[in-house]
């Protein structure tokens, strides 16, 4: 039997406000446990929440970016449940009147096609604390620093049909929120967390199958693996005569396996009721229009500009425009290098490879965009070879030096570009290669291109790797074909 996968996502996006959604407590990451949880965050008697306007601004900006309806009357409810990391015993969230209504996101897929993923809604809410299990010898610790941090929870329609589509959508959403500046996008710190609802059904069947929810995926790689594992598991269960149980599951990225966490009913009784401490928040049209005028450049517009302004291919423009920080870095490199294509190659090649291998965000890159731009310029003007440039890049990466020209001088990497000196080297090398010259002259045009490399090796050796390959090639062509 042929099976179709059905996927919907719920995404928690931590908003980049400096304080929490209902208190003045800091949202900075990495503080000592329980040092950033105020009396308001804990809902101690006599405290009252005060809404953070910046959180509303960020939510509206997101709604505008996905062409969604903005609900001008925003209401908060209490979602009641009891868990150790929920200090209030309830979560302040939105149910009936979410701030962002239906919208959509256009996604470019790996096969070159595109797809529209519908957004059901996005609502504002406060985050819970964090349970810590590692260092407590059979017990759990609770860190409430995160309690009260503002989130938007984005809920999609079940429009995705494969792990590849889900990851492409997640990456596009990451690009949108970071371009807007409403989230730093650092998934290792929990700034974006994905809950994936997965079901399978026979191809052609309209009715959805029973779904499971895999929670708190914090990387695109983990999301792809978790979806594939769950799809395989569900198909195996059904084909073996079993049935899928609606449940919540957890994925362990280190062990590459998932396990059941708890069964899940169709609708949990959270006993929602309007929050008695918060009045409805009403937005005027002028307020929303003012935010619309402040909208920064979004990924699709930036991609189109990169193609037009820098003559990049669609593929290169897609890679470089997807992330706001990468786009800014690339533009700075191109500005200092004066060559957009060569700059793109270095950012997507050497730089990206090193960032990925050491799991570093480009915001924390030890090589400044200006320094990389200067290095690319030295490759472009022939001061240094590509192999020499990689050595300079390695020294820049260590972070101890950032003057490209100084590194080139101290490492003796400057190319010889004196045509007289290079021509003398060519004459000397060719004098010792009569058989290769005869073979070259007897060859056709296609074979000559291959044979040319046999001369370049001895020439680079004779120049101790410092001869300008482009000039060597020009002199060789002239002498061999003359």
Protein backbone atom coordinates (compact mmCIF):
# COMPACT_ATOMS: atom_id res chain seq x y z
CA UNK A 1 0.00 0.00 0.00
CA UNK A 2 1.16 3.53 -0.78
CA UNK A 3 1.13 5.90 2.18
CA UNK A 4 0.86 9.67 2.38
CA UNK A 5 2.41 11.61 5.26
CA UNK A 6 0.53 14.54 6.81
CA UNK A 7 2.45 17.05 8.92
CA UNK A 8 1.45 20.13 10.87
CA UNK A 9 3.72 22.21 13.11
CA UNK A 10 3.38 24.21 16.28
CA UNK A 11 6.35 26.55 16.71
CA UNK A 12 7.28 28.43 19.86
CA UNK A 13 9.23 31.57 18.96
CA UNK A 14 10.88 33.39 21.85
CA UNK A 15 10.53 37.12 21.28
CA UNK A 16 13.67 39.24 21.55
CA UNK A 17 12.38 41.60 24.20
CA UNK A 18 14.73 42.67 27.01
CA UNK A 19 12.10 42.04 29.67
CA UNK A 20 9.33 39.49 30.17
CA UNK A 21 5.83 39.72 28.82
CA UNK A 22 4.16 40.76 32.10
CA UNK A 23 7.07 41.89 34.30
CA UNK A 24 10.31 43.85 34.18
CA UNK A 25 12.49 40.76 34.76
CA UNK A 26 15.36 40.23 32.34
CA UNK A 27 15.12 37.66 29.55
CA UNK A 28 18.92 37.40 29.10
CA UNK A 29 20.13 33.84 28.52
CA UNK A 30 22.66 32.12 30.76
CA UNK A 31 22.04 33.69 34.16
CA UNK A 32 22.35 31.67 37.36
CA UNK A 33 19.18 29.59 37.94
CA UNK A 34 16.26 31.38 39.57
CA UNK A 35 17.90 34.82 39.57
CA UNK A 36 15.53 36.31 36.97
CA UNK A 37 12.13 35.26 38.31
CA UNK A 38 10.27 38.08 40.04
CA UNK A 39 7.24 38.03 42.29
CA UNK A 40 5.06 38.83 39.25
CA UNK A 41 6.49 35.87 37.31
CA UNK A 42 5.61 33.63 40.26
CA UNK A 43 2.12 35.19 40.67
CA UNK A 44 2.68 35.82 44.36
CA UNK A 45 -0.35 37.29 46.17
CA UNK A 46 -0.83 41.00 45.60
CA UNK A 47 1.09 41.16 42.30
CA UNK A 48 -0.43 42.20 38.99
CA UNK A 49 0.88 41.64 35.45
CA UNK A 50 1.63 44.61 33.18
CA UNK A 51 1.71 43.83 29.42
CA UNK A 52 4.96 44.47 27.54
CA UNK A 53 4.10 46.58 24.47
CA UNK A 54 7.18 45.38 22.57
CA UNK A 55 5.85 41.83 22.60
CA UNK A 56 2.65 43.01 20.89
CA UNK A 57 4.67 44.99 18.33
CA UNK A 58 6.73 41.92 17.47
CA UNK A 59 3.65 39.72 17.14
CA UNK A 60 1.97 42.22 14.80
CA UNK A 61 5.14 42.50 12.69
CA UNK A 62 5.08 38.72 12.26
CA UNK A 63 1.42 38.82 11.25
CA UNK A 64 2.14 41.51 8.65
CA UNK A 65 5.09 39.50 7.28
CA UNK A 66 2.88 36.45 6.57
CA UNK A 67 0.01 38.53 5.16
CA UNK A 68 -2.23 37.51 8.05
CA UNK A 69 -5.27 39.04 9.63
CA UNK A 70 -4.37 41.16 12.68
CA UNK A 71 -7.00 40.91 15.39
CA UNK A 72 -7.42 44.43 16.72
CA UNK A 73 -8.87 43.20 20.00
CA UNK A 74 -6.46 40.86 21.77
CA UNK A 75 -7.62 38.92 24.83
CA UNK A 76 -5.70 36.73 27.30
CA UNK A 77 -6.92 33.56 29.00
CA UNK A 78 -5.57 31.36 31.76
CA UNK A 79 -4.69 27.81 30.75
CA UNK A 80 -4.78 25.76 33.95
CA UNK A 81 -2.52 22.79 34.51
CA UNK A 82 -0.07 21.69 37.15
CA UNK A 83 3.56 20.98 36.39
CA UNK A 84 6.69 21.67 38.46
CA UNK A 85 8.09 24.28 36.05
CA UNK A 86 4.82 26.25 35.91
CA UNK A 87 5.02 28.35 39.07
CA UNK A 88 1.59 29.99 38.76
CA UNK A 89 -0.34 26.78 38.25
CA UNK A 90 -1.60 28.31 35.00
CA UNK A 91 -0.19 29.80 31.81
CA UNK A 92 -1.34 33.18 30.55
CA UNK A 93 -2.05 32.62 26.87
CA UNK A 94 -4.60 33.34 24.13
CA UNK A 95 -7.37 31.07 22.90
CA UNK A 96 -10.43 32.71 21.36
CA UNK A 97 -8.84 36.02 20.30
CA UNK A 98 -5.24 35.36 19.16
CA UNK A 99 -3.40 38.45 18.01
CA UNK A 100 -2.55 36.96 14.56
CA UNK A 101 -5.21 35.26 12.47
CA UNK A 102 -4.93 33.15 9.30
CA UNK A 103 -1.93 33.81 7.04
CA UNK A 104 0.45 31.93 4.75
CA UNK A 105 4.14 31.35 4.02
CA UNK A 106 5.58 30.66 0.57
CA UNK A 107 8.28 27.96 0.72
CA UNK A 108 10.90 27.02 -1.87
CA UNK A 109 11.38 23.23 -1.85
CA UNK A 110 14.61 21.30 -2.49
CA UNK A 111 13.36 20.04 -5.88
CA UNK A 112 12.95 23.61 -7.18
CA UNK A 113 9.18 23.76 -6.76
CA UNK A 114 7.34 25.97 -4.28
CA UNK A 115 4.51 25.41 -1.82
CA UNK A 116 2.14 27.54 0.23
CA UNK A 117 1.87 26.56 3.88
CA UNK A 118 -1.17 28.02 5.61
CA UNK A 119 -0.86 29.49 9.09
CA UNK A 120 -3.95 28.85 11.21
CA UNK A 121 -3.04 31.53 13.77
CA UNK A 122 -0.28 32.81 16.06
CA UNK A 123 -0.92 33.76 19.65
CA UNK A 124 1.02 35.47 22.42
CA UNK A 125 1.77 33.63 25.63
CA UNK A 126 4.28 33.32 28.45
CA UNK A 127 6.88 30.59 28.60
CA UNK A 128 7.19 28.14 31.47
CA UNK A 129 10.34 27.44 33.47
CA UNK A 130 12.74 24.59 32.76
CA UNK A 131 13.11 21.22 34.46
CA UNK A 132 16.71 20.08 34.94
CA UNK A 133 17.39 16.35 35.25
CA UNK A 134 21.13 15.89 34.70
CA UNK A 135 22.87 16.78 37.96
CA UNK A 136 20.41 15.92 40.70
CA UNK A 137 20.95 12.17 41.23
CA UNK A 138 17.44 10.85 40.70
CA UNK A 139 15.72 14.15 41.37
CA UNK A 140 14.85 17.14 39.19
CA UNK A 141 15.77 20.77 39.61
CA UNK A 142 13.61 23.69 38.48
CA UNK A 143 15.01 26.87 36.90
CA UNK A 144 12.32 29.58 36.68
CA UNK A 145 14.43 32.16 34.83
CA UNK A 146 12.53 31.44 31.61
CA UNK A 147 9.09 31.66 33.24
CA UNK A 148 7.25 34.64 31.80
CA UNK A 149 9.45 35.05 28.71
CA UNK A 150 7.25 36.23 25.81
CA UNK A 151 6.48 33.74 23.06
CA UNK A 152 4.41 33.63 19.94
CA UNK A 153 3.11 30.16 19.25
CA UNK A 154 2.60 29.68 15.50
CA UNK A 155 0.19 26.95 14.46
CA UNK A 156 0.15 25.70 10.86
CA UNK A 157 -2.48 23.81 8.95
CA UNK A 158 -1.55 20.16 8.17
CA UNK A 159 -0.18 21.17 4.74
CA UNK A 160 3.22 19.45 4.65
CA UNK A 161 3.68 16.01 3.15
CA UNK A 162 7.30 15.07 3.89
CA UNK A 163 10.16 15.79 6.26
CA UNK A 164 11.83 17.79 3.49
CA UNK A 165 8.81 20.08 3.19
CA UNK A 166 8.58 20.52 6.96
CA UNK A 167 12.27 21.43 7.25
CA UNK A 168 12.05 23.83 4.29
CA UNK A 169 9.10 25.56 5.96
CA UNK A 170 10.89 25.69 9.33
CA UNK A 171 13.95 27.26 7.72
CA UNK A 172 11.79 29.84 5.94
CA UNK A 173 10.03 30.70 9.20
CA UNK A 174 13.41 31.04 10.93
CA UNK A 175 14.49 33.40 8.14
CA UNK A 176 11.35 35.53 8.52
CA UNK A 177 11.55 36.00 12.31
CA UNK A 178 15.29 36.74 12.27
CA UNK A 179 14.87 39.18 9.38
CA UNK A 180 12.14 40.96 11.32
CA UNK A 181 14.46 41.11 14.33
CA UNK A 182 11.77 39.70 16.60
CA UNK A 183 13.80 36.58 17.53
CA UNK A 184 17.52 35.83 17.58
CA UNK A 185 16.84 32.39 16.08
CA UNK A 186 19.37 30.60 18.30
CA UNK A 187 17.76 27.18 18.58
CA UNK A 188 20.53 25.87 20.85
CA UNK A 189 19.23 28.31 23.48
CA UNK A 190 15.59 27.40 22.89
CA UNK A 191 14.73 30.55 20.93
CA UNK A 192 12.73 28.42 18.47
CA UNK A 193 11.22 25.07 19.41
CA UNK A 194 9.14 22.87 17.11
CA UNK A 195 6.33 20.47 17.98
CA UNK A 196 5.57 18.18 15.02
CA UNK A 197 2.16 16.55 14.50
CA UNK A 198 2.48 13.51 12.22
CA UNK A 199 0.00 11.06 10.75
CA UNK A 200 -0.12 8.74 7.75
CA UNK A 201 -3.00 7.68 5.52
CA UNK A 202 -3.41 5.61 2.35
CA UNK A 203 -2.83 7.66 -0.78
CA UNK A 204 -6.18 8.99 -2.00
CA UNK A 205 -7.90 8.86 1.39
CA UNK A 206 -9.36 12.20 2.49
CA UNK A 207 -9.73 11.39 6.19
CA UNK A 208 -6.66 12.06 8.30
CA UNK A 209 -5.05 9.23 10.25
CA UNK A 210 -4.46 9.31 14.02
CA UNK A 211 -1.66 11.74 14.76
CA UNK A 212 1.15 11.81 17.26
CA UNK A 213 2.98 14.88 18.51
CA UNK A 214 6.78 14.91 18.85
CA UNK A 215 7.69 17.82 21.10
CA UNK A 216 10.51 20.31 21.58
CA UNK A 217 12.68 19.70 18.52
CA UNK A 218 15.38 22.37 18.49
CA UNK A 219 17.29 21.76 15.27
CA UNK A 220 16.40 21.24 11.62
CA UNK A 221 18.43 18.02 11.52
CA UNK A 222 16.61 16.60 14.54
CA UNK A 223 13.27 17.56 13.02
CA UNK A 224 14.03 15.74 9.78
CA UNK A 225 15.20 12.59 11.57
CA UNK A 226 12.30 12.61 14.06
CA UNK A 227 9.72 12.88 11.27
CA UNK A 228 11.28 10.08 9.21
CA UNK A 229 11.49 7.79 12.24
CA UNK A 230 7.88 8.45 13.23
CA UNK A 231 6.54 7.95 9.70
CA UNK A 232 8.37 4.62 9.44
CA UNK A 233 7.08 3.57 12.88
CA UNK A 234 3.46 4.42 12.09
CA UNK A 235 3.52 2.59 8.76
CA UNK A 236 5.10 -0.49 10.38
CA UNK A 237 2.48 -0.52 13.15
CA UNK A 238 -0.45 -0.26 10.72
CA UNK A 239 0.95 -2.81 8.25
CA UNK A 240 1.50 -5.23 11.13
CA UNK A 241 -2.19 -5.00 12.02
CA UNK A 242 -1.87 -2.56 14.90
CA UNK A 243 -3.33 0.89 15.36
CA UNK A 244 -1.77 4.27 16.07
CA UNK A 245 -2.42 5.68 19.52
CA UNK A 246 -2.71 9.43 19.87
CA UNK A 247 0.21 10.36 22.10
CA UNK A 248 3.00 12.78 22.83
CA UNK A 249 6.49 11.55 21.95
CA UNK A 250 10.05 12.71 22.60
CA UNK A 251 12.98 12.41 20.21
CA UNK A 252 16.51 11.77 21.53
CA UNK A 253 18.95 13.25 19.02
CA UNK A 254 22.01 11.68 20.66
CA UNK A 255 20.59 8.16 20.36
CA UNK A 256 18.49 8.85 17.23
CA UNK A 257 15.36 7.29 18.67
CA UNK A 258 11.95 8.39 19.90
CA UNK A 259 9.83 7.18 22.77
CA UNK A 260 6.32 7.64 24.05
CA UNK A 261 5.98 10.27 26.78
CA UNK A 262 2.27 10.23 27.53
CA UNK A 263 -1.05 9.43 25.90
CA UNK A 264 -2.99 12.40 24.60
CA UNK A 265 -6.74 12.80 24.53
CA UNK A 266 -8.56 14.58 21.73
CA UNK A 267 -9.00 17.67 23.91
CA UNK A 268 -7.37 18.25 27.29
CA UNK A 269 -9.50 20.01 29.88
CA UNK A 270 -7.36 23.02 30.67
CA UNK A 271 -10.34 24.92 32.11
CA UNK A 272 -9.58 28.06 30.11
CA UNK A 273 -11.16 31.24 31.40
CA UNK A 274 -10.50 34.96 30.72
CA UNK A 275 -7.57 36.30 32.73
CA UNK A 276 -9.13 38.54 35.41
CA UNK A 277 -5.92 40.59 35.79
CA UNK A 278 -5.57 41.66 32.14
CA UNK A 279 -7.93 43.85 30.15
CA UNK A 280 -8.37 43.29 26.40
CA UNK A 281 -5.72 45.12 24.34
CA UNK A 282 -7.17 47.11 21.43
CA UNK A 283 -5.11 48.33 18.44
CA UNK A 284 -6.12 51.23 16.21
CA UNK A 285 -5.60 51.10 12.44
CA UNK A 286 -3.01 53.89 12.66
CA UNK A 287 -0.94 51.82 15.08
CA UNK A 288 -0.84 48.85 12.70
CA UNK A 289 -0.13 51.06 9.68
CA UNK A 290 2.81 52.67 11.49
CA UNK A 291 4.28 49.23 12.16
CA UNK A 292 3.75 48.27 8.52
CA UNK A 293 5.85 51.25 7.44
CA UNK A 294 8.67 50.10 9.75
CA UNK A 295 8.83 46.61 8.24
CA UNK A 296 12.42 45.60 7.43
CA UNK A 297 13.40 43.81 4.22
CA UNK A 298 12.01 40.26 4.20
CA UNK A 299 13.80 37.18 2.80
CA UNK A 300 11.97 37.01 -0.55
CA UNK A 301 12.57 40.70 -1.28
CA UNK A 302 16.21 40.39 -0.19
CA UNK A 303 16.73 37.39 -2.47
CA UNK A 304 15.33 39.30 -5.46
CA UNK A 305 17.60 42.25 -4.64
CA UNK A 306 20.68 40.03 -4.38
CA UNK A 307 19.96 38.60 -7.83
CA UNK A 308 19.45 42.07 -9.36
CA UNK A 309 22.15 43.99 -7.45
CA UNK A 310 24.93 41.40 -7.31
CA UNK A 311 24.10 39.25 -10.39
CA UNK A 312 23.99 36.13 -8.20
CA UNK A 313 22.29 32.91 -9.25
CA UNK A 314 18.95 32.05 -7.67
CA UNK A 315 20.66 29.34 -5.64
CA UNK A 316 23.41 31.61 -4.29
CA UNK A 317 20.92 34.38 -3.56
CA UNK A 318 18.65 31.94 -1.70
CA UNK A 319 21.47 30.73 0.55
CA UNK A 320 22.86 34.19 1.29
CA UNK A 321 19.52 35.96 1.82
CA UNK A 322 17.82 33.35 4.00
CA UNK A 323 19.40 34.47 7.26
CA UNK A 324 19.54 38.17 8.13
CA UNK A 325 22.94 37.89 9.83
CA UNK A 326 24.44 35.95 6.90
CA UNK A 327 23.01 38.47 4.43
CA UNK A 328 24.53 41.40 6.30
CA UNK A 329 27.88 39.60 6.60
CA UNK A 330 27.94 38.83 2.86
CA UNK A 331 27.12 42.40 1.88
CA UNK A 332 29.94 43.74 4.04
CA UNK A 333 32.39 41.25 2.52
CA UNK A 334 31.27 42.17 -1.02
CA UNK A 335 31.57 45.89 -0.25
CA UNK A 336 35.22 45.56 0.86
CA UNK A 337 36.17 43.00 -1.82
CA UNK A 338 34.49 44.68 -4.78
CA UNK A 339 33.51 41.27 -6.17
CA UNK A 340 30.13 39.84 -5.19
CA UNK A 341 30.53 36.41 -6.82
CA UNK A 342 33.95 35.74 -5.28
CA UNK A 343 32.65 37.00 -1.92
CA UNK A 344 29.64 34.67 -2.20
CA UNK A 345 31.92 31.72 -2.91
CA UNK A 346 34.00 32.41 0.20
CA UNK A 347 31.00 32.99 2.50
CA UNK A 348 29.18 29.85 1.29
CA UNK A 349 32.37 27.78 1.05
CA UNK A 350 35.29 28.25 3.42
CA UNK A 351 33.41 30.35 6.00
CA UNK A 352 30.22 28.28 6.07
CA UNK A 353 32.17 25.02 6.26
CA UNK A 354 34.16 26.21 9.26
CA UNK A 355 31.08 27.60 11.04
CA UNK A 356 29.21 24.31 10.56
CA UNK A 357 32.11 22.10 11.61
CA UNK A 358 32.58 24.04 14.85
CA UNK A 359 28.85 24.70 15.39
CA UNK A 360 29.25 28.49 15.57
CA UNK A 361 26.63 31.07 14.59
CA UNK A 362 27.79 33.64 12.06
CA UNK A 363 27.04 36.35 14.65
CA UNK A 364 29.88 34.85 16.72
CA UNK A 365 32.28 34.32 13.82
CA UNK A 366 35.89 35.10 14.82
CA UNK A 367 36.63 36.43 11.31
CA UNK A 368 35.05 39.84 10.78
CA UNK A 369 33.26 40.54 7.51
CA UNK A 370 35.67 43.41 6.84
CA UNK A 371 38.71 41.14 7.25
CA UNK A 372 37.23 38.49 4.96
CA UNK A 373 36.44 41.21 2.42
CA UNK A 374 40.09 42.34 2.49
CA UNK A 375 41.22 38.73 2.02
CA UNK A 376 38.90 38.22 -0.96
CA UNK A 377 40.23 41.48 -2.44
CA UNK A 378 43.80 40.15 -2.21
CA UNK A 379 42.72 37.00 -4.05
CA UNK A 380 40.99 39.10 -6.68
CA UNK A 381 43.96 41.43 -7.32
CA UNK A 382 46.41 38.52 -7.50
CA UNK A 383 48.36 39.41 -4.36
CA UNK A 384 47.75 35.92 -2.98
CA UNK A 385 46.72 32.55 -4.38
CA UNK A 386 43.58 30.68 -3.33
CA UNK A 387 45.63 28.15 -1.36
CA UNK A 388 47.55 30.97 0.32
CA UNK A 389 44.29 32.71 1.12
CA UNK A 390 43.03 29.59 2.92
CA UNK A 391 46.14 29.69 5.10
CA UNK A 392 45.48 33.37 5.91
CA UNK A 393 41.84 32.52 6.70
CA UNK A 394 43.01 29.84 9.15
CA UNK A 395 45.16 32.42 10.96
CA UNK A 396 42.27 34.93 11.02
CA UNK A 397 40.05 32.20 12.48
CA UNK A 398 42.32 31.88 15.50
CA UNK A 399 41.30 35.45 16.38
CA UNK A 400 44.75 36.65 17.35
CA UNK A 401 45.38 38.71 14.17
CA UNK A 402 42.99 40.57 11.88
CA UNK A 403 45.29 42.51 9.49
CA UNK A 404 45.24 40.54 6.23
CA UNK A 405 48.17 42.33 4.58
CA UNK A 406 50.32 41.92 7.67
CA UNK A 407 49.61 38.16 7.78
CA UNK A 408 50.46 37.82 4.06
CA UNK A 409 53.79 39.57 4.60
CA UNK A 410 54.81 37.69 7.74
CA UNK A 411 53.91 34.32 6.23
CA UNK A 412 55.65 35.09 2.91
CA UNK A 413 52.50 34.35 0.92
CA UNK A 414 52.60 37.21 -1.59
CA UNK A 415 52.47 35.93 -5.16
CA UNK A 416 55.20 36.73 -7.69
CA UNK A 417 53.48 38.80 -10.38
CA UNK A 418 56.58 40.24 -12.05
CA UNK A 419 56.12 39.05 -15.66
CA UNK A 420 59.84 39.20 -16.35
CA UNK A 421 60.66 36.93 -13.40
CA UNK A 422 57.80 34.58 -14.25
CA UNK A 423 58.81 34.37 -17.91
CA UNK A 424 62.35 33.41 -16.89
CA UNK A 425 60.93 30.60 -14.73
CA UNK A 426 58.76 29.39 -17.62
CA UNK A 427 61.75 29.30 -19.99
CA UNK A 428 63.81 27.37 -17.45
CA UNK A 429 61.08 24.79 -16.77
CA UNK A 430 60.16 24.30 -20.45
CA UNK A 431 63.82 23.75 -21.31
CA UNK A 432 63.71 20.56 -19.25
CA UNK A 433 60.44 19.26 -20.71
CA UNK A 434 61.00 18.70 -24.47
CA UNK A 435 58.98 15.45 -24.62
CA UNK A 436 55.95 17.07 -22.92
CA UNK A 437 56.18 20.04 -25.31
CA UNK A 438 56.20 17.75 -28.33
CA UNK A 439 53.20 15.82 -26.96
CA UNK A 440 51.36 19.09 -26.37
CA UNK A 441 52.01 20.43 -29.89
CA UNK A 442 50.80 17.16 -31.44
CA UNK A 443 47.54 17.14 -29.42
CA UNK A 444 44.17 18.56 -30.41
CA UNK A 445 42.60 21.52 -28.59
CA UNK A 446 40.65 19.40 -26.10
CA UNK A 447 43.66 17.32 -25.06
CA UNK A 448 45.90 20.40 -24.84
CA UNK A 449 43.75 21.76 -22.00
CA UNK A 450 44.40 18.60 -20.00
CA UNK A 451 48.13 18.60 -20.77
CA UNK A 452 48.49 22.20 -19.62
CA UNK A 453 48.22 21.08 -16.01
CA UNK A 454 51.39 19.01 -16.45
CA UNK A 455 53.37 22.23 -16.91
CA UNK A 456 51.76 24.15 -14.06
CA UNK A 457 52.93 21.72 -11.35
CA UNK A 458 56.68 22.15 -12.07
CA UNK A 459 56.20 25.92 -12.47
CA UNK A 460 54.55 26.30 -9.05
CA UNK A 461 57.33 24.14 -7.58
CA UNK A 462 60.00 26.31 -9.22
CA UNK A 463 58.34 29.45 -7.78
CA UNK A 464 57.94 27.80 -4.33
CA UNK A 465 54.18 28.18 -4.71
CA UNK A 466 54.35 31.95 -5.06
CA UNK A 467 54.01 32.34 -8.83
CA UNK A 468 50.78 33.93 -10.02
CA UNK A 469 48.93 31.00 -11.67
CA UNK A 470 46.96 33.28 -14.00
CA UNK A 471 50.12 34.95 -15.32
CA UNK A 472 51.92 31.62 -15.54
CA UNK A 473 49.04 30.30 -17.65
CA UNK A 474 49.10 33.32 -19.98
CA UNK A 475 52.88 33.03 -20.52
CA UNK A 476 52.62 29.28 -21.09
CA UNK A 477 49.85 29.69 -23.65
CA UNK A 478 51.91 32.25 -25.54
CA UNK A 479 55.10 30.20 -25.57
CA UNK A 480 53.55 26.80 -26.30
CA UNK A 481 51.20 28.04 -29.00
CA UNK A 482 53.60 30.59 -30.52
